[in-house]
C-alpha atoms as a PDB file:
ATOM      1  CA  MET A   1     -21.360 -32.066  -8.982  1.00  0.00           C
ATOM      2  CA  ALA A   2     -20.905 -28.120  -8.706  1.00  0.00           C
ATOM      3  CA  SER A   3     -17.600 -26.027  -8.503  1.00  0.00           C
ATOM      4  CA  ILE A   4     -17.499 -23.233  -6.066  1.00  0.00           C
ATOM      5  CA  VAL A   5     -16.441 -20.034  -8.430  1.00  0.00           C
ATOM      6  CA  LEU A   6     -17.368 -17.101  -6.078  1.00  0.00           C
ATOM      7  CA  GLY A   7     -17.769 -16.224  -2.674  1.00  0.00           C
ATOM      8  CA  LEU A   8     -19.656 -12.897  -1.840  1.00  0.00           C
ATOM      9  CA  GLY A   9     -21.006 -11.735   1.637  1.00  0.00           C
ATOM     10  CA  THR A  10     -22.899  -8.602   2.747  1.00  0.00           C
ATOM     11  CA  SER A  11     -24.704  -8.250   5.969  1.00  0.00           C
ATOM     12  CA  HIS A  12     -28.385  -7.742   5.769  1.00  0.00           C
ATOM     13  CA  THR A  13     -30.035  -4.983   7.745  1.00  0.00           C
ATOM     14  CA  PRO A  14     -33.171  -2.585   7.046  1.00  0.00           C
ATOM     15  CA  MET A  15     -30.576   0.178   7.168  1.00  0.00           C
ATOM     16  CA  LEU A  16     -29.377  -1.045   3.881  1.00  0.00           C
ATOM     17  CA  ASN A  17     -32.730  -0.544   2.445  1.00  0.00           C
ATOM     18  CA  ALA A  18     -33.545   2.832   4.439  1.00  0.00           C
ATOM     19  CA  ARG A  19     -33.281   6.181   3.056  1.00  0.00           C
ATOM     20  CA  CYS A  20     -30.250   7.992   4.649  1.00  0.00           C
ATOM     21  CA  GLU A  21     -32.381  10.621   6.362  1.00  0.00           C
ATOM     22  CA  ASP A  22     -34.267   7.529   8.137  1.00  0.00           C
ATOM     23  CA  TRP A  23     -31.109   6.162   9.823  1.00  0.00           C
ATOM     24  CA  PRO A  24     -31.446   8.395  12.792  1.00  0.00           C
ATOM     25  CA  ARG A  25     -34.794   6.922  13.307  1.00  0.00           C
ATOM     26  CA  PHE A  26     -33.769   3.393  14.277  1.00  0.00           C
ATOM     27  CA  VAL A  27     -33.606   4.863  17.780  1.00  0.00           C
ATOM     28  CA  GLU A  28     -37.753   4.416  17.518  1.00  0.00           C
ATOM     29  CA  SER A  29     -37.620   0.637  16.355  1.00  0.00           C
ATOM     30  CA  ASP A  30     -34.479  -0.903  17.810  1.00  0.00           C
ATOM     31  CA  PRO A  31     -35.822  -0.766  21.552  1.00  0.00           C
ATOM     32  CA  ALA A  32     -38.859  -2.569  20.251  1.00  0.00           C
ATOM     33  CA  ILE A  33     -37.497  -5.385  18.239  1.00  0.00           C
ATOM     34  CA  ALA A  34     -37.532  -8.645  19.982  1.00  0.00           C
ATOM     35  CA  ARG A  35     -34.519 -10.872  20.808  1.00  0.00           C
ATOM     36  CA  GLN A  36     -31.479  -8.152  21.300  1.00  0.00           C
ATOM     37  CA  GLN A  37     -28.629 -10.330  22.386  1.00  0.00           C
ATOM     38  CA  ASP A  38     -25.380  -8.785  23.659  1.00  0.00           C
ATOM     39  CA  LYS A  39     -22.006 -10.059  22.483  1.00  0.00           C
ATOM     40  CA  GLU A  40     -22.227 -13.265  24.198  1.00  0.00           C
ATOM     41  CA  GLY A  41     -25.854 -14.021  22.879  1.00  0.00           C
ATOM     42  CA  ARG A  42     -27.432 -13.080  26.095  1.00  0.00           C
ATOM     43  CA  LEU A  43     -30.782 -11.441  25.760  1.00  0.00           C
ATOM     44  CA  ARG A  44     -30.672  -8.092  27.083  1.00  0.00           C
ATOM     45  CA  THR A  45     -33.221  -4.891  26.871  1.00  0.00           C
ATOM     46  CA  TYR A  46     -32.071  -2.134  24.456  1.00  0.00           C
ATOM     47  CA  ASP A  47     -31.451   0.096  27.497  1.00  0.00           C
ATOM     48  CA  GLU A  48     -28.838  -2.351  28.899  1.00  0.00           C
ATOM     49  CA  LEU A  49     -27.252  -2.667  25.466  1.00  0.00           C
ATOM     50  CA  VAL A  50     -26.813   1.064  25.370  1.00  0.00           C
ATOM     51  CA  ALA A  51     -25.167   1.181  28.742  1.00  0.00           C
ATOM     52  CA  LEU A  52     -22.840  -1.683  27.848  1.00  0.00           C
ATOM     53  CA  ALA A  53     -21.694   0.132  24.612  1.00  0.00           C
ATOM     54  CA  ASP A  54     -18.483   1.824  24.281  1.00  0.00           C
ATOM     55  CA  PRO A  55     -18.697   5.682  24.500  1.00  0.00           C
ATOM     56  CA  ALA A  56     -16.739   5.954  21.129  1.00  0.00           C
ATOM     57  CA  VAL A  57     -19.995   4.787  19.664  1.00  0.00           C
ATOM     58  CA  LYS A  58     -21.318   8.277  19.659  1.00  0.00           C
ATOM     59  CA  THR A  59     -19.024   9.414  17.048  1.00  0.00           C
ATOM     60  CA  PHE A  60     -20.940   7.294  14.602  1.00  0.00           C
ATOM     61  CA  LEU A  61     -24.171   8.874  15.640  1.00  0.00           C
ATOM     62  CA  THR A  62     -24.019  11.911  13.640  1.00  0.00           C
ATOM     63  CA  GLN A  63     -25.480  13.140  10.340  1.00  0.00           C
ATOM     64  CA  ALA A  64     -22.166  13.358   8.829  1.00  0.00           C
ATOM     65  CA  SER A  65     -21.179   9.872   9.760  1.00  0.00           C
ATOM     66  CA  PHE A  66     -24.810   8.467   8.490  1.00  0.00           C
ATOM     67  CA  GLU A  67     -24.125  10.113   5.147  1.00  0.00           C
ATOM     68  CA  ALA A  68     -20.752   8.985   4.604  1.00  0.00           C
ATOM     69  CA  ARG A  69     -21.555   5.197   5.873  1.00  0.00           C
ATOM     70  CA  PHE A  70     -24.678   5.545   3.332  1.00  0.00           C
ATOM     71  CA  ALA A  71     -22.603   6.593   0.512  1.00  0.00           C
ATOM     72  CA  ARG A  72     -20.286   3.633   1.230  1.00  0.00           C
ATOM     73  CA  ALA A  73     -22.492   1.062   1.545  1.00  0.00           C
ATOM     74  CA  GLU A  74     -24.449   1.988  -1.680  1.00  0.00           C
ATOM     75  CA  GLU A  75     -21.051   2.016  -3.666  1.00  0.00           C
ATOM     76  CA  ASP A  76     -20.226  -1.579  -1.694  1.00  0.00           C
ATOM     77  CA  ILE A  77     -23.404  -2.947  -2.885  1.00  0.00           C
ATOM     78  CA  GLU A  78     -22.804  -1.860  -6.418  1.00  0.00           C
ATOM     79  CA  LYS A  79     -19.526  -3.245  -6.479  1.00  0.00           C
ATOM     80  CA  LEU A  80     -20.923  -6.704  -5.363  1.00  0.00           C
ATOM     81  CA  ASN A  81     -23.585  -6.240  -7.883  1.00  0.00           C
ATOM     82  CA  THR A  82     -21.119  -5.781 -10.670  1.00  0.00           C
ATOM     83  CA  ILE A  83     -18.917  -8.936  -9.529  1.00  0.00           C
ATOM     84  CA  LEU A  84     -21.779 -11.025  -9.474  1.00  0.00           C
ATOM     85  CA  ALA A  85     -22.807  -9.958 -12.955  1.00  0.00           C
ATOM     86  CA  HIS A  86     -19.277 -10.478 -14.390  1.00  0.00           C
ATOM     87  CA  HIS A  87     -19.073 -14.060 -13.049  1.00  0.00           C
ATOM     88  CA  ALA A  88     -22.692 -14.837 -13.966  1.00  0.00           C
ATOM     89  CA  PRO A  89     -22.645 -18.105 -11.930  1.00  0.00           C
ATOM     90  CA  ASP A  90     -25.180 -20.833 -13.099  1.00  0.00           C
ATOM     91  CA  ILE A  91     -26.342 -21.153  -9.572  1.00  0.00           C
ATOM     92  CA  ILE A  92     -26.450 -18.963  -6.538  1.00  0.00           C
ATOM     93  CA  VAL A  93     -26.634 -20.424  -3.010  1.00  0.00           C
ATOM     94  CA  ILE A  94     -27.898 -18.171  -0.315  1.00  0.00           C
ATOM     95  CA  ILE A  95     -26.948 -18.704   3.133  1.00  0.00           C
ATOM     96  CA  GLY A  96     -28.581 -16.325   5.576  1.00  0.00           C
ATOM     97  CA  ASP A  97     -30.258 -16.368   8.873  1.00  0.00           C
ATOM     98  CA  ASP A  98     -33.897 -16.160   9.388  1.00  0.00           C
ATOM     99  CA  GLN A  99     -34.547 -13.537  12.095  1.00  0.00           C
ATOM    100  CA  ASN A 100     -38.271 -14.510  12.429  1.00  0.00           C
ATOM    101  CA  GLU A 101     -39.099 -13.342   9.059  1.00  0.00           C
ATOM    102  CA  LEU A 102     -40.504 -16.752   8.024  1.00  0.00           C
ATOM    103  CA  PHE A 103     -39.785 -18.846  11.116  1.00  0.00           C
ATOM    104  CA  HIS A 104     -40.493 -18.133  14.826  1.00  0.00           C
ATOM    105  CA  GLY A 105     -39.829 -19.500  18.153  1.00  0.00           C
ATOM    106  CA  GLU A 106     -42.134 -22.547  17.482  1.00  0.00           C
ATOM    107  CA  ASN A 107     -40.163 -23.829  15.039  1.00  0.00           C
ATOM    108  CA  MET A 108     -36.742 -21.973  14.013  1.00  0.00           C
ATOM    109  CA  PRO A 109     -34.385 -24.667  12.710  1.00  0.00           C
ATOM    110  CA  ALA A 110     -30.733 -24.188  13.417  1.00  0.00           C
ATOM    111  CA  PHE A 111     -30.129 -25.121   9.578  1.00  0.00           C
ATOM    112  CA  LEU A 112     -32.592 -25.493   6.773  1.00  0.00           C
ATOM    113  CA  VAL A 113     -31.738 -26.396   3.135  1.00  0.00           C
ATOM    114  CA  TYR A 114     -34.501 -25.301   0.967  1.00  0.00           C
ATOM    115  CA  TRP A 115     -35.242 -27.771  -1.906  1.00  0.00           C
ATOM    116  CA  GLY A 116     -38.400 -26.999  -3.724  1.00  0.00           C
ATOM    117  CA  ALA A 117     -38.762 -26.831  -7.370  1.00  0.00           C
ATOM    118  CA  GLU A 118     -39.057 -22.920  -7.265  1.00  0.00           C
ATOM    119  CA  ILE A 119     -39.377 -20.185  -4.451  1.00  0.00           C
ATOM    120  CA  GLU A 120     -41.254 -16.930  -4.352  1.00  0.00           C
ATOM    121  CA  SER A 121     -40.130 -13.565  -3.524  1.00  0.00           C
ATOM    122  CA  ARG A 122     -43.126 -11.654  -2.225  1.00  0.00           C
ATOM    123  CA  GLN A 123     -44.068  -9.041   0.063  1.00  0.00           C
ATOM    124  CA  ARG A 124     -44.905  -9.822   3.372  1.00  0.00           C
ATOM    125  CA  SER A 125     -47.823  -8.468   5.553  1.00  0.00           C
ATOM    126  CA  ARG A 126     -46.235  -5.699   7.998  1.00  0.00           C
ATOM    127  CA  ASN A 127     -47.495  -5.039  11.193  1.00  0.00           C
ATOM    128  CA  LEU A 128     -44.946  -2.716  12.593  1.00  0.00           C
ATOM    129  CA  PRO A 129     -45.577   0.649  13.973  1.00  0.00           C
ATOM    130  CA  TRP A 130     -42.836   2.665  11.646  1.00  0.00           C
ATOM    131  CA  ASP A 131     -43.962   3.546   7.956  1.00  0.00           C
ATOM    132  CA  TRP A 132     -40.385   4.350   7.278  1.00  0.00           C
ATOM    133  CA  TYR A 133     -39.089   1.043   8.722  1.00  0.00           C
ATOM    134  CA  ASN A 134     -41.695  -1.081   6.823  1.00  0.00           C
ATOM    135  CA  ALA A 135     -41.025   0.969   3.652  1.00  0.00           C
ATOM    136  CA  ALA A 136     -37.026   0.119   4.119  1.00  0.00           C
ATOM    137  CA  ASN A 137     -38.011  -3.790   4.661  1.00  0.00           C
ATOM    138  CA  THR A 138     -40.270  -3.821   1.813  1.00  0.00           C
ATOM    139  CA  ARG A 139     -37.217  -2.975  -0.370  1.00  0.00           C
ATOM    140  CA  TYR A 140     -36.129  -6.705   0.127  1.00  0.00           C
ATOM    141  CA  TYR A 141     -38.946  -8.106  -1.984  1.00  0.00           C
ATOM    142  CA  GLU A 142     -39.776  -7.904  -5.304  1.00  0.00           C
ATOM    143  CA  PRO A 143     -42.563  -5.048  -6.111  1.00  0.00           C
ATOM    144  CA  ARG A 144     -44.832  -8.170  -7.126  1.00  0.00           C
ATOM    145  CA  PRO A 145     -44.605 -11.712  -6.293  1.00  0.00           C
ATOM    146  CA  ARG A 146     -41.839 -13.371  -8.519  1.00  0.00           C
ATOM    147  CA  ARG A 147     -40.987 -17.247  -8.608  1.00  0.00           C
ATOM    148  CA  PHE A 148     -37.295 -18.292  -9.114  1.00  0.00           C
ATOM    149  CA  PRO A 149     -36.289 -21.444 -10.176  1.00  0.00           C
ATOM    150  CA  VAL A 150     -34.394 -23.504  -7.339  1.00  0.00           C
ATOM    151  CA  ALA A 151     -31.288 -25.921  -8.082  1.00  0.00           C
ATOM    152  CA  ASP A 152     -33.213 -28.718  -6.054  1.00  0.00           C
ATOM    153  CA  VAL A 153     -30.985 -31.425  -7.401  1.00  0.00           C
ATOM    154  CA  LEU A 154     -27.917 -29.448  -5.970  1.00  0.00           C
ATOM    155  CA  ALA A 155     -30.251 -28.761  -2.577  1.00  0.00           C
ATOM    156  CA  LEU A 156     -30.772 -32.389  -2.252  1.00  0.00           C
ATOM    157  CA  HIS A 157     -27.075 -33.171  -2.860  1.00  0.00           C
ATOM    158  CA  ILE A 158     -26.338 -30.830   0.019  1.00  0.00           C
ATOM    159  CA  ILE A 159     -28.642 -32.300   2.398  1.00  0.00           C
ATOM    160  CA  ASP A 160     -27.122 -35.742   1.656  1.00  0.00           C
ATOM    161  CA  ARG A 161     -23.851 -34.427   2.335  1.00  0.00           C
ATOM    162  CA  LEU A 162     -24.525 -32.715   5.374  1.00  0.00           C
ATOM    163  CA  MET A 163     -26.465 -35.449   6.851  1.00  0.00           C
ATOM    164  CA  ASP A 164     -23.581 -37.878   6.117  1.00  0.00           C
ATOM    165  CA  ASP A 165     -20.982 -35.906   7.716  1.00  0.00           C
ATOM    166  CA  GLY A 166     -23.396 -35.486  10.899  1.00  0.00           C
ATOM    167  CA  PHE A 167     -25.062 -32.316  10.550  1.00  0.00           C
ATOM    168  CA  ASP A 168     -28.577 -32.337  12.138  1.00  0.00           C
ATOM    169  CA  LEU A 169     -30.566 -29.957   9.649  1.00  0.00           C
ATOM    170  CA  ALA A 170     -34.027 -29.202   8.765  1.00  0.00           C
ATOM    171  CA  GLN A 171     -35.087 -29.392   4.995  1.00  0.00           C
ATOM    172  CA  SER A 172     -38.090 -27.964   3.321  1.00  0.00           C
ATOM    173  CA  SER A 173     -39.781 -28.168   0.120  1.00  0.00           C
ATOM    174  CA  HIS A 174     -42.169 -25.424   0.657  1.00  0.00           C
ATOM    175  CA  LEU A 175     -41.939 -22.244   2.838  1.00  0.00           C
ATOM    176  CA  PRO A 176     -44.339 -21.682   5.466  1.00  0.00           C
ATOM    177  CA  GLU A 177     -47.103 -18.909   5.065  1.00  0.00           C
ATOM    178  CA  ALA A 178     -45.744 -15.479   6.105  1.00  0.00           C
ATOM    179  CA  GLN A 179     -47.158 -14.009   9.230  1.00  0.00           C
ATOM    180  CA  GLY A 180     -45.291 -10.799   9.186  1.00  0.00           C
ATOM    181  CA  CYS A 181     -41.269 -10.582   9.513  1.00  0.00           C
ATOM    182  CA  LEU A 182     -40.724  -9.311  13.224  1.00  0.00           C
ATOM    183  CA  ARG A 183     -42.288  -9.672  16.462  1.00  0.00           C
ATOM    184  CA  LEU A 184     -41.931  -7.139  18.768  1.00  0.00           C
ATOM    185  CA  ALA A 185     -40.671  -7.037  22.503  1.00  0.00           C
ATOM    186  CA  GLU A 186     -43.649  -7.898  24.830  1.00  0.00           C
END
């Protein structure tokens, strides 16, 4: 049905959208954001994770290190953009985790394939107490709501094949109404 012509990957983090001068401020937000896990997937408090961290991590927590890593991240994102533009695929399949952006604990599918005719990129309401953090998150989205066509025939094919192969997955033709992107730890 389709041929894979390229695979690209990157992490997604508010740090990629934050200004370099805001990187040290993540110490304000990180302790309050829910569902922090250790390397084995156990829920931990921020202070527990700090205690478990390799002491060498402190070498990365300097302004010079932030500036160097920020510059490299910017360069690498531009490289990905150039590669994608060069290949100009007809269809882009995006794989990601939700991280309490659209779905929450009452309905967090392990796998979901979206097959609606189009998908909207829109700003989501923010109720987090850090303006700098909200500004970084906002950069994930279009400045104004924008609809993108979805390769729904391919999506339905993927659903059928995955189900035939025994995957237990969710499917959706529309997204839930957004209620903010992150929940804070209680």
